[in-house]
C-alpha atoms as a PDB file:
ATOM      1  CA  MET A   1    -102.534   3.041 -35.805  1.00  0.00           C
ATOM      2  CA  TRP A   2    -101.508   5.186 -32.660  1.00  0.00           C
ATOM      3  CA  TRP A   3    -100.692   1.814 -30.932  1.00  0.00           C
ATOM      4  CA  ILE A   4     -97.857   1.118 -33.349  1.00  0.00           C
ATOM      5  CA  ALA A   5     -96.181   4.393 -32.515  1.00  0.00           C
ATOM      6  CA  GLY A   6     -96.919   3.678 -28.674  1.00  0.00           C
ATOM      7  CA  GLY A   7     -95.290   0.277 -29.101  1.00  0.00           C
ATOM      8  CA  ILE A   8     -92.260   1.664 -30.851  1.00  0.00           C
ATOM      9  CA  ALA A   9     -91.879   4.406 -28.179  1.00  0.00           C
ATOM     10  CA  ALA A  10     -92.170   1.711 -25.497  1.00  0.00           C
ATOM     11  CA  LEU A  11     -89.719  -0.616 -27.024  1.00  0.00           C
ATOM     12  CA  GLY A  12     -87.288   2.280 -27.448  1.00  0.00           C
ATOM     13  CA  LEU A  13     -87.737   3.011 -23.658  1.00  0.00           C
ATOM     14  CA  VAL A  14     -87.044  -0.721 -22.900  1.00  0.00           C
ATOM     15  CA  VAL A  15     -83.893  -0.657 -24.990  1.00  0.00           C
ATOM     16  CA  LEU A  16     -82.824   2.653 -23.236  1.00  0.00           C
ATOM     17  CA  VAL A  17     -83.377   1.138 -19.812  1.00  0.00           C
ATOM     18  CA  VAL A  18     -81.521  -2.030 -20.688  1.00  0.00           C
ATOM     19  CA  ALA A  19     -78.564  -0.104 -22.007  1.00  0.00           C
ATOM     20  CA  LEU A  20     -78.470   2.138 -18.922  1.00  0.00           C
ATOM     21  CA  LEU A  21     -78.541  -0.821 -16.660  1.00  0.00           C
ATOM     22  CA  ALA A  22     -75.719  -2.422 -18.602  1.00  0.00           C
ATOM     23  CA  THR A  23     -73.658   0.850 -18.395  1.00  0.00           C
ATOM     24  CA  LEU A  24     -74.171   1.142 -14.737  1.00  0.00           C
ATOM     25  CA  GLY A  25     -73.014  -2.333 -14.153  1.00  0.00           C
ATOM     26  CA  SER A  26     -69.879  -1.641 -16.101  1.00  0.00           C
ATOM     27  CA  LEU A  27     -69.301   1.551 -14.093  1.00  0.00           C
ATOM     28  CA  ARG A  28     -69.511  -0.376 -10.973  1.00  0.00           C
ATOM     29  CA  ARG A  29     -66.985  -2.979 -12.127  1.00  0.00           C
ATOM     30  CA  PHE A  30     -64.701  -0.001 -13.138  1.00  0.00           C
ATOM     31  CA  ALA A  31     -65.134   1.698  -9.809  1.00  0.00           C
ATOM     32  CA  ALA A  32     -64.200  -1.694  -8.007  1.00  0.00           C
ATOM     33  CA  ALA A  33     -61.130  -2.119 -10.191  1.00  0.00           C
ATOM     34  CA  MET A  34     -60.280   1.630  -9.557  1.00  0.00           C
ATOM     35  CA  GLN A  35     -60.413   1.275  -5.829  1.00  0.00           C
ATOM     36  CA  SER A  36     -58.317  -1.971  -5.983  1.00  0.00           C
ATOM     37  CA  LEU A  37     -55.686  -0.169  -7.894  1.00  0.00           C
ATOM     38  CA  ASN A  38     -55.690   2.736  -5.642  1.00  0.00           C
ATOM     39  CA  ARG A  39     -55.276   0.413  -2.636  1.00  0.00           C
ATOM     40  CA  ARG A  40     -52.295  -1.279  -4.403  1.00  0.00           C
ATOM     41  CA  LEU A  41     -50.816   2.117  -5.339  1.00  0.00           C
ATOM     42  CA  ALA A  42     -50.957   3.354  -1.748  1.00  0.00           C
ATOM     43  CA  ASP A  43     -49.536   0.089  -0.384  1.00  0.00           C
ATOM     44  CA  GLY A  44     -46.655   0.257  -2.893  1.00  0.00           C
ATOM     45  CA  GLN A  45     -45.972   3.968  -2.014  1.00  0.00           C
ATOM     46  CA  GLN A  46     -45.816   3.141   1.743  1.00  0.00           C
ATOM     47  CA  ARG A  47     -43.319   0.374   1.006  1.00  0.00           C
ATOM     48  CA  VAL A  48     -41.214   2.709  -1.209  1.00  0.00           C
ATOM     49  CA  GLU A  49     -41.292   5.781   1.001  1.00  0.00           C
ATOM     50  CA  PRO A  50     -38.676   4.564   3.638  1.00  0.00           C
ATOM     51  CA  ARG A  51     -36.272   3.661   0.956  1.00  0.00           C
ATOM     52  CA  LEU A  52     -36.729   6.959  -0.832  1.00  0.00           C
ATOM     53  CA  ARG A  53     -36.178   8.958   2.281  1.00  0.00           C
ATOM     54  CA  GLU A  54     -32.953   6.975   2.850  1.00  0.00           C
ATOM     55  CA  LEU A  55     -31.824   7.666  -0.831  1.00  0.00           C
ATOM     56  CA  ARG A  56     -32.594  11.410  -0.280  1.00  0.00           C
ATOM     57  CA  LYS A  57     -30.437  11.480   2.840  1.00  0.00           C
ATOM     58  CA  THR A  58     -27.562   9.696   1.005  1.00  0.00           C
ATOM     59  CA  ALA A  59     -27.834  12.097  -1.940  1.00  0.00           C
ATOM     60  CA  GLU A  60     -27.714  15.093   0.477  1.00  0.00           C
ATOM     61  CA  ALA A  61     -24.710  13.555   2.302  1.00  0.00           C
ATOM     62  CA  LEU A  62     -22.783  13.015  -0.958  1.00  0.00           C
ATOM     63  CA  GLN A  63     -23.638  16.639  -2.250  1.00  0.00           C
ATOM     64  CA  GLU A  64     -20.833  18.180  -0.308  1.00  0.00           C
ATOM     65  CA  PRO A  65     -17.941  15.804  -1.336  1.00  0.00           C
ATOM     66  CA  LEU A  66     -19.156  16.006  -4.824  1.00  0.00           C
ATOM     67  CA  VAL A  67     -18.973  19.746  -4.977  1.00  0.00           C
ATOM     68  CA  ALA A  68     -15.472  19.568  -3.245  1.00  0.00           C
ATOM     69  CA  ALA A  69     -14.278  17.120  -5.904  1.00  0.00           C
ATOM     70  CA  GLN A  70     -15.670  19.232  -8.749  1.00  0.00           C
ATOM     71  CA  GLU A  71     -13.894  22.298  -7.414  1.00  0.00           C
ATOM     72  CA  LYS A  72     -10.582  20.197  -7.167  1.00  0.00           C
ATOM     73  CA  ALA A  73     -11.122  19.004 -10.732  1.00  0.00           C
ATOM     74  CA  ALA A  74     -11.644  22.411 -11.996  1.00  0.00           C
ATOM     75  CA  ILE A  75      -8.445  23.690 -10.166  1.00  0.00           C
ATOM     76  CA  ILE A  76      -6.466  20.803 -11.705  1.00  0.00           C
ATOM     77  CA  GLN A  77      -7.869  21.597 -15.100  1.00  0.00           C
ATOM     78  CA  VAL A  78      -6.985  25.290 -14.736  1.00  0.00           C
ATOM     79  CA  ARG A  79      -3.473  24.313 -13.708  1.00  0.00           C
ATOM     80  CA  ARG A  80      -2.998  21.940 -16.713  1.00  0.00           C
ATOM     81  CA  GLY A  81      -4.226  24.609 -18.894  1.00  0.00           C
ATOM     82  CA  ALA A  82      -1.726  27.045 -17.538  1.00  0.00           C
ATOM     83  CA  ALA A  83       1.117  24.497 -17.681  1.00  0.00           C
ATOM     84  CA  ASP A  84       0.214  23.832 -21.390  1.00  0.00           C
ATOM     85  CA  ASN A  85       0.413  27.569 -22.263  1.00  0.00           C
ATOM     86  CA  SER A  86       3.798  27.917 -20.689  1.00  0.00           C
END
């Protein structure tokens, strides 16, 4: 009778080992896919970085004229408000 219990335990261990090996195989595939995606991400970032620096410089260069235009618009708005009140 003990051999039945031993057989069930051995069968359970075999199933456990098979499931573990299948899981490890999936994890290896996921790791390979992750490495591939990380390489693609790094490559894309390197390609975008110069354009991003250029856009930042352009935005910084436009900041001063934009502030000046906003100030002029505010002055014009105040003058129009003053003229409407007269």
